């Protein structure tokens, strides 16, 4: 933030408190054209405090852009036509304590008022039994946690207010492959903007034909209560003139465990690369994805399918994913 100087708009959305230690700010960092008429991309990390690498991927891309601002004329031109928003550490208290949930023990990705329509995995799909167990949703009827409210506030102000926006939320800890998930998590039914997501996937494959990602709906793996991105996407769908496509990067942390089995004996090692050169490789590995999403949003008029192409994209998506 210091290096970005006047190019960045920095604000503290919330301050959260742990049982001990100082209050932690939840930052939102804006860059580019603030006009509500231009497209936008939001990058989010650190929703789960244990998954430090997600926050580091977002910060690495922010630093990449800040350093380019010194010399890259094309980047300045791009930012005249779009908005970029960063929340690198949504859950600073959980990051400080090295816990999945926030200081209240709540899993922020199970905290939204969305109920799954089909059966969810026991505990993993979200539970209200105890904050001492993982995947705790919070008390029934309680307001969302401060960190969840902060994320929703930024998304509403910076993304849902625009005709086109993308979001990428960076996580780790699922399998041996890197995955890009899109809603829904609460139902196996396809989302309304399936055609646009399939067109975005086709665009990415054309530009990065040897990419390592499995791109799929989250429901292909499991269902869950309280997903924040389902909640915000459903809210965006209430406006017919808004197109909001949220994605989740789920980095396959078992890759790092497979290469270094001793990481099994470390709680942080289950979710993060612990050897320096592997961490650096991860930060490089995903840079092209984040940059692609920025460019795709800026040029969305060139690839979002019209009515004629939309039907074919939807048919192809249903055949591939459902």
Protein backbone atom coordinates (compact mmCIF):
# COMPACT_ATOMS: atom_id res chain seq x y z
CA UNK A 1 0.00 0.00 0.00
CA UNK A 2 2.87 2.36 0.76
CA UNK A 3 4.50 1.67 -2.61
CA UNK A 4 1.24 2.29 -4.47
CA UNK A 5 0.84 5.76 -2.97
CA UNK A 6 -1.66 7.96 -4.78
CA UNK A 7 -2.51 5.18 -7.27
CA UNK A 8 -4.35 3.25 -4.54
CA UNK A 9 -7.47 4.06 -2.56
CA UNK A 10 -7.11 2.38 0.83
CA UNK A 11 -9.75 2.16 3.51
CA UNK A 12 -10.36 0.13 6.65
CA UNK A 13 -13.77 -1.49 6.25
CA UNK A 14 -13.89 -3.02 9.74
CA UNK A 15 -11.72 -3.57 12.78
CA UNK A 16 -11.99 -7.02 14.34
CA UNK A 17 -10.87 -8.10 17.79
CA UNK A 18 -9.38 -11.36 19.00
CA UNK A 19 -9.51 -12.63 22.58
CA UNK A 20 -6.00 -11.27 23.03
CA UNK A 21 -3.80 -9.05 20.92
CA UNK A 22 -4.47 -5.78 19.11
CA UNK A 23 -7.49 -4.94 16.90
CA UNK A 24 -6.97 -6.00 13.30
CA UNK A 25 -7.98 -3.83 10.33
CA UNK A 26 -9.79 -5.38 7.37
CA UNK A 27 -8.50 -3.45 4.37
CA UNK A 28 -10.11 -2.77 1.01
CA UNK A 29 -7.76 -1.44 -1.66
CA UNK A 30 -9.06 0.12 -4.87
CA UNK A 31 -7.20 0.86 -8.09
CA UNK A 32 -8.32 2.27 -11.42
CA UNK A 33 -11.43 4.09 -12.60
CA UNK A 34 -14.02 4.50 -9.79
CA UNK A 35 -16.88 5.21 -12.22
CA UNK A 36 -19.83 2.78 -11.75
CA UNK A 37 -20.07 2.47 -15.54
CA UNK A 38 -16.81 0.53 -15.99
CA UNK A 39 -16.30 -3.21 -15.28
CA UNK A 40 -14.51 -4.39 -12.16
CA UNK A 41 -12.68 -7.37 -10.66
CA UNK A 42 -12.37 -8.14 -6.96
CA UNK A 43 -9.57 -10.29 -5.53
CA UNK A 44 -10.08 -11.78 -2.07
CA UNK A 45 -7.85 -13.84 0.20
CA UNK A 46 -7.41 -14.91 3.80
CA UNK A 47 -11.07 -15.86 4.35
CA UNK A 48 -9.79 -18.95 6.18
CA UNK A 49 -6.98 -18.02 8.51
CA UNK A 50 -5.14 -21.31 8.06
CA UNK A 51 -4.90 -20.81 4.31
CA UNK A 52 -2.21 -18.14 4.36
CA UNK A 53 -1.15 -18.86 0.77
CA UNK A 54 -4.46 -17.48 -0.54
CA UNK A 55 -3.73 -14.07 0.99
CA UNK A 56 -0.17 -14.21 -0.33
CA UNK A 57 -1.33 -14.90 -3.91
CA UNK A 58 -3.58 -11.81 -3.79
CA UNK A 59 -0.81 -9.65 -2.29
CA UNK A 60 1.69 -10.90 -4.87
CA UNK A 61 -0.61 -9.79 -7.70
CA UNK A 62 -1.22 -6.42 -6.04
CA UNK A 63 2.53 -5.91 -5.73
CA UNK A 64 2.98 -6.99 -9.36
CA UNK A 65 0.58 -4.25 -10.47
CA UNK A 66 2.01 -1.58 -8.16
CA UNK A 67 5.52 -2.13 -9.50
CA UNK A 68 4.27 -2.01 -13.11
CA UNK A 69 2.54 1.30 -12.49
CA UNK A 70 5.98 2.94 -12.50
CA UNK A 71 6.63 2.18 -16.18
CA UNK A 72 3.75 0.31 -17.87
CA UNK A 73 1.76 2.70 -20.07
CA UNK A 74 -0.59 -0.07 -21.22
CA UNK A 75 -1.50 -0.87 -17.60
CA UNK A 76 -2.39 2.78 -17.02
CA UNK A 77 -4.58 2.70 -20.13
CA UNK A 78 -6.28 -0.49 -18.93
CA UNK A 79 -7.01 1.04 -15.53
CA UNK A 80 -8.70 4.01 -17.21
CA UNK A 81 -11.38 1.59 -18.39
CA UNK A 82 -11.84 -0.66 -15.34
CA UNK A 83 -11.69 -0.98 -11.57
CA UNK A 84 -9.63 -3.42 -9.48
CA UNK A 85 -10.43 -4.11 -5.83
CA UNK A 86 -8.38 -6.12 -3.34
CA UNK A 87 -9.22 -7.57 0.07
CA UNK A 88 -6.07 -9.60 0.69
CA UNK A 89 -6.88 -10.58 4.29
CA UNK A 90 -10.59 -10.84 4.98
CA UNK A 91 -10.01 -12.72 8.25
CA UNK A 92 -6.95 -11.14 9.92
CA UNK A 93 -7.84 -12.50 13.36
CA UNK A 94 -7.95 -16.06 12.04
CA UNK A 95 -4.68 -15.52 10.18
CA UNK A 96 -3.06 -14.23 13.38
CA UNK A 97 -4.34 -17.21 15.40
CA UNK A 98 -3.74 -19.75 12.59
CA UNK A 99 -7.34 -20.98 12.71
CA UNK A 100 -9.77 -21.69 9.89
CA UNK A 101 -12.51 -19.59 11.45
CA UNK A 102 -12.48 -16.06 12.78
CA UNK A 103 -11.75 -15.23 16.46
CA UNK A 104 -15.34 -16.24 17.30
CA UNK A 105 -14.76 -19.68 15.78
CA UNK A 106 -17.06 -19.01 12.82
CA UNK A 107 -16.18 -20.31 9.36
CA UNK A 108 -16.88 -17.27 7.19
CA UNK A 109 -17.63 -19.44 4.15
CA UNK A 110 -20.49 -21.06 6.08
CA UNK A 111 -21.78 -17.81 7.57
CA UNK A 112 -24.22 -16.41 4.99
CA UNK A 113 -28.01 -16.88 5.37
CA UNK A 114 -28.25 -19.47 2.59
CA UNK A 115 -29.54 -22.98 3.28
CA UNK A 116 -28.55 -25.92 1.09
CA UNK A 117 -31.46 -27.43 -0.82
CA UNK A 118 -29.98 -30.93 -0.77
CA UNK A 119 -28.07 -33.01 1.75
CA UNK A 120 -24.66 -31.67 2.79
CA UNK A 121 -21.69 -33.62 4.21
CA UNK A 122 -21.81 -33.97 7.99
CA UNK A 123 -19.99 -31.07 9.69
CA UNK A 124 -18.13 -30.11 6.50
CA UNK A 125 -21.29 -28.71 4.94
CA UNK A 126 -21.74 -26.32 7.86
CA UNK A 127 -22.87 -26.94 11.44
CA UNK A 128 -24.37 -24.98 14.33
CA UNK A 129 -23.43 -27.44 17.10
CA UNK A 130 -20.33 -25.77 18.49
CA UNK A 131 -17.65 -23.21 17.72
CA UNK A 132 -15.21 -25.82 18.99
CA UNK A 133 -15.85 -27.92 15.89
CA UNK A 134 -14.75 -26.93 12.37
CA UNK A 135 -17.16 -25.44 9.81
CA UNK A 136 -19.21 -23.64 12.49
CA UNK A 137 -21.86 -21.39 10.92
CA UNK A 138 -22.61 -19.22 13.95
CA UNK A 139 -25.73 -19.07 16.10
CA UNK A 140 -29.08 -19.42 14.38
CA UNK A 141 -30.56 -16.01 13.67
CA UNK A 142 -27.39 -14.10 14.60
CA UNK A 143 -26.14 -11.41 12.21
CA UNK A 144 -23.26 -12.30 9.94
CA UNK A 145 -19.78 -11.91 11.38
CA UNK A 146 -18.01 -8.55 11.01
CA UNK A 147 -15.59 -9.99 8.45
CA UNK A 148 -18.42 -11.43 6.35
CA UNK A 149 -20.24 -8.11 6.51
CA UNK A 150 -17.06 -6.32 5.41
CA UNK A 151 -16.66 -8.57 2.37
CA UNK A 152 -20.33 -8.14 1.42
CA UNK A 153 -20.11 -4.38 1.85
CA UNK A 154 -17.12 -4.13 -0.49
CA UNK A 155 -18.67 -6.45 -3.08
CA UNK A 156 -21.93 -4.48 -3.09
CA UNK A 157 -20.19 -1.12 -3.37
CA UNK A 158 -17.45 -2.02 -5.84
CA UNK A 159 -18.77 -4.96 -7.87
CA UNK A 160 -22.54 -5.36 -7.76
CA UNK A 161 -22.99 -1.67 -8.56
CA UNK A 162 -21.49 -2.18 -12.04
CA UNK A 163 -22.92 -3.71 -15.23
CA UNK A 164 -20.15 -6.36 -15.31
CA UNK A 165 -17.90 -7.71 -12.57
CA UNK A 166 -15.82 -10.74 -11.64
CA UNK A 167 -14.57 -11.93 -8.26
CA UNK A 168 -11.80 -14.39 -7.38
CA UNK A 169 -11.54 -15.77 -3.85
CA UNK A 170 -8.24 -17.60 -3.19
CA UNK A 171 -8.22 -20.69 -0.95
CA UNK A 172 -6.19 -23.87 -0.53
CA UNK A 173 -6.63 -27.36 0.80
CA UNK A 174 -8.61 -29.51 -1.64
CA UNK A 175 -6.93 -32.42 -3.39
CA UNK A 176 -3.91 -32.64 -5.68
CA UNK A 177 -5.24 -30.40 -8.47
CA UNK A 178 -5.85 -26.68 -8.64
CA UNK A 179 -9.53 -26.01 -9.17
CA UNK A 180 -11.61 -23.03 -10.23
CA UNK A 181 -15.07 -23.29 -8.74
CA UNK A 182 -18.16 -21.27 -9.53
CA UNK A 183 -21.58 -21.27 -7.78
CA UNK A 184 -23.63 -22.95 -6.67
CA UNK A 185 -22.59 -24.52 -3.38
CA UNK A 186 -26.10 -24.81 -1.94
CA UNK A 187 -27.72 -26.70 -4.83
CA UNK A 188 -26.76 -28.85 -7.79
CA UNK A 189 -28.92 -26.78 -10.13
CA UNK A 190 -27.01 -24.72 -12.72
CA UNK A 191 -26.71 -20.99 -12.21
CA UNK A 192 -28.48 -18.46 -14.40
CA UNK A 193 -25.28 -17.24 -16.08
CA UNK A 194 -23.96 -20.63 -17.11
CA UNK A 195 -23.45 -19.49 -20.71
CA UNK A 196 -21.21 -16.61 -19.65
CA UNK A 197 -19.12 -18.85 -17.42
CA UNK A 198 -18.66 -21.40 -20.18
CA UNK A 199 -17.63 -18.61 -22.56
CA UNK A 200 -15.11 -17.37 -19.99
CA UNK A 201 -13.70 -20.89 -19.63
CA UNK A 202 -13.39 -21.26 -23.42
CA UNK A 203 -11.62 -17.90 -23.58
CA UNK A 204 -9.15 -18.95 -20.89
CA UNK A 205 -8.42 -22.25 -22.60
CA UNK A 206 -7.72 -20.45 -25.87
CA UNK A 207 -5.30 -18.06 -24.17
CA UNK A 208 -3.72 -20.63 -21.83
CA UNK A 209 -4.07 -23.97 -23.57
CA UNK A 210 -1.78 -25.79 -21.10
CA UNK A 211 -3.32 -24.51 -17.88
CA UNK A 212 -3.53 -26.78 -14.84
CA UNK A 213 -7.00 -25.90 -13.54
CA UNK A 214 -10.08 -28.05 -13.29
CA UNK A 215 -12.96 -25.62 -13.89
CA UNK A 216 -16.27 -26.82 -12.48
CA UNK A 217 -19.24 -25.90 -10.26
CA UNK A 218 -18.52 -26.37 -6.57
CA UNK A 219 -21.56 -28.65 -6.38
CA UNK A 220 -19.62 -31.20 -8.44
CA UNK A 221 -17.59 -31.87 -5.28
CA UNK A 222 -19.88 -31.15 -2.33
CA UNK A 223 -22.71 -28.95 -1.14
CA UNK A 224 -22.59 -26.54 1.80
CA UNK A 225 -24.76 -24.16 3.77
CA UNK A 226 -23.97 -20.49 4.10
CA UNK A 227 -21.70 -19.88 1.12
CA UNK A 228 -20.96 -16.15 0.84
CA UNK A 229 -20.56 -16.22 -2.94
CA UNK A 230 -23.90 -17.99 -3.43
CA UNK A 231 -25.46 -15.32 -1.24
CA UNK A 232 -23.93 -12.42 -3.17
CA UNK A 233 -24.56 -13.99 -6.58
CA UNK A 234 -28.24 -14.51 -5.75
CA UNK A 235 -28.42 -10.88 -4.66
CA UNK A 236 -26.83 -9.76 -7.95
CA UNK A 237 -29.40 -11.77 -9.91
CA UNK A 238 -32.16 -9.55 -8.53
CA UNK A 239 -30.93 -6.89 -10.98
CA UNK A 240 -31.41 -7.87 -14.62
CA UNK A 241 -28.90 -5.26 -15.80
CA UNK A 242 -26.04 -6.68 -13.70
CA UNK A 243 -23.71 -9.57 -14.53
CA UNK A 244 -21.61 -10.80 -11.60
CA UNK A 245 -19.46 -13.95 -11.94
CA UNK A 246 -17.78 -15.09 -8.69
CA UNK A 247 -15.01 -17.69 -8.85
CA UNK A 248 -13.08 -19.55 -6.15
CA UNK A 249 -9.49 -20.67 -6.65
CA UNK A 250 -9.01 -23.82 -4.60
CA UNK A 251 -5.30 -24.59 -4.66
CA UNK A 252 -4.50 -28.28 -4.28
CA UNK A 253 -2.48 -28.30 -1.06
CA UNK A 254 -1.97 -32.07 -1.14
CA UNK A 255 0.56 -31.41 -3.90
CA UNK A 256 2.88 -29.83 -1.33
CA UNK A 257 2.22 -32.58 1.23
CA UNK A 258 2.97 -35.24 -1.39
CA UNK A 259 6.35 -33.64 -2.10
CA UNK A 260 7.11 -33.08 1.59
CA UNK A 261 5.17 -35.59 3.76
CA UNK A 262 6.58 -34.03 6.93
CA UNK A 263 4.11 -31.20 6.37
CA UNK A 264 1.42 -33.58 7.66
CA UNK A 265 2.76 -32.94 11.16
CA UNK A 266 2.21 -29.19 10.85
CA UNK A 267 -1.22 -27.59 10.91
CA UNK A 268 -0.01 -24.86 8.56
CA UNK A 269 1.68 -27.49 6.37
CA UNK A 270 -1.68 -29.04 5.50
CA UNK A 271 -2.71 -25.87 3.69
CA UNK A 272 0.45 -24.00 2.69
CA UNK A 273 3.80 -24.70 1.02
CA UNK A 274 6.43 -24.48 3.76
CA UNK A 275 9.57 -24.54 1.61
CA UNK A 276 10.57 -21.19 0.12
CA UNK A 277 11.08 -22.25 -3.48
CA UNK A 278 7.69 -24.02 -3.55
CA UNK A 279 5.94 -20.96 -2.20
CA UNK A 280 7.62 -18.78 -4.83
CA UNK A 281 6.53 -21.24 -7.50
CA UNK A 282 2.92 -21.04 -6.30
CA UNK A 283 2.97 -17.23 -6.37
CA UNK A 284 4.24 -17.34 -9.97
CA UNK A 285 1.90 -20.16 -10.96
CA UNK A 286 -1.32 -18.21 -10.50
CA UNK A 287 -0.20 -14.78 -11.68
CA UNK A 288 -1.35 -15.40 -15.25
CA UNK A 289 -4.84 -16.39 -14.03
CA UNK A 290 -5.33 -13.18 -12.05
CA UNK A 291 -4.01 -11.09 -14.92
CA UNK A 292 -6.29 -12.90 -17.38
CA UNK A 293 -9.36 -12.13 -15.26
CA UNK A 294 -8.44 -8.44 -15.19
CA UNK A 295 -8.10 -8.36 -18.97
CA UNK A 296 -11.26 -10.41 -19.51
CA UNK A 297 -13.32 -8.04 -17.40
CA UNK A 298 -11.91 -5.00 -19.18
CA UNK A 299 -12.83 -6.53 -22.56
CA UNK A 300 -16.05 -8.29 -21.58
CA UNK A 301 -18.02 -6.77 -24.49
CA UNK A 302 -15.84 -8.78 -26.88
CA UNK A 303 -16.56 -12.24 -25.46
CA UNK A 304 -19.78 -12.29 -23.40
CA UNK A 305 -22.09 -14.32 -25.66
CA UNK A 306 -25.04 -12.66 -27.37
CA UNK A 307 -28.46 -14.32 -27.47
CA UNK A 308 -27.60 -16.51 -30.46
CA UNK A 309 -24.33 -17.86 -29.04
CA UNK A 310 -25.67 -18.09 -25.50
CA UNK A 311 -27.87 -21.12 -26.24
CA UNK A 312 -24.94 -23.11 -27.63
CA UNK A 313 -22.70 -22.22 -24.69
CA UNK A 314 -25.41 -23.27 -22.27
CA UNK A 315 -25.95 -26.59 -24.04
CA UNK A 316 -22.19 -27.27 -24.02
CA UNK A 317 -21.95 -26.32 -20.33
CA UNK A 318 -24.83 -28.61 -19.35
CA UNK A 319 -23.23 -31.49 -21.23
CA UNK A 320 -19.83 -30.86 -19.62
CA UNK A 321 -20.77 -30.05 -16.01
CA UNK A 322 -24.25 -31.42 -15.34
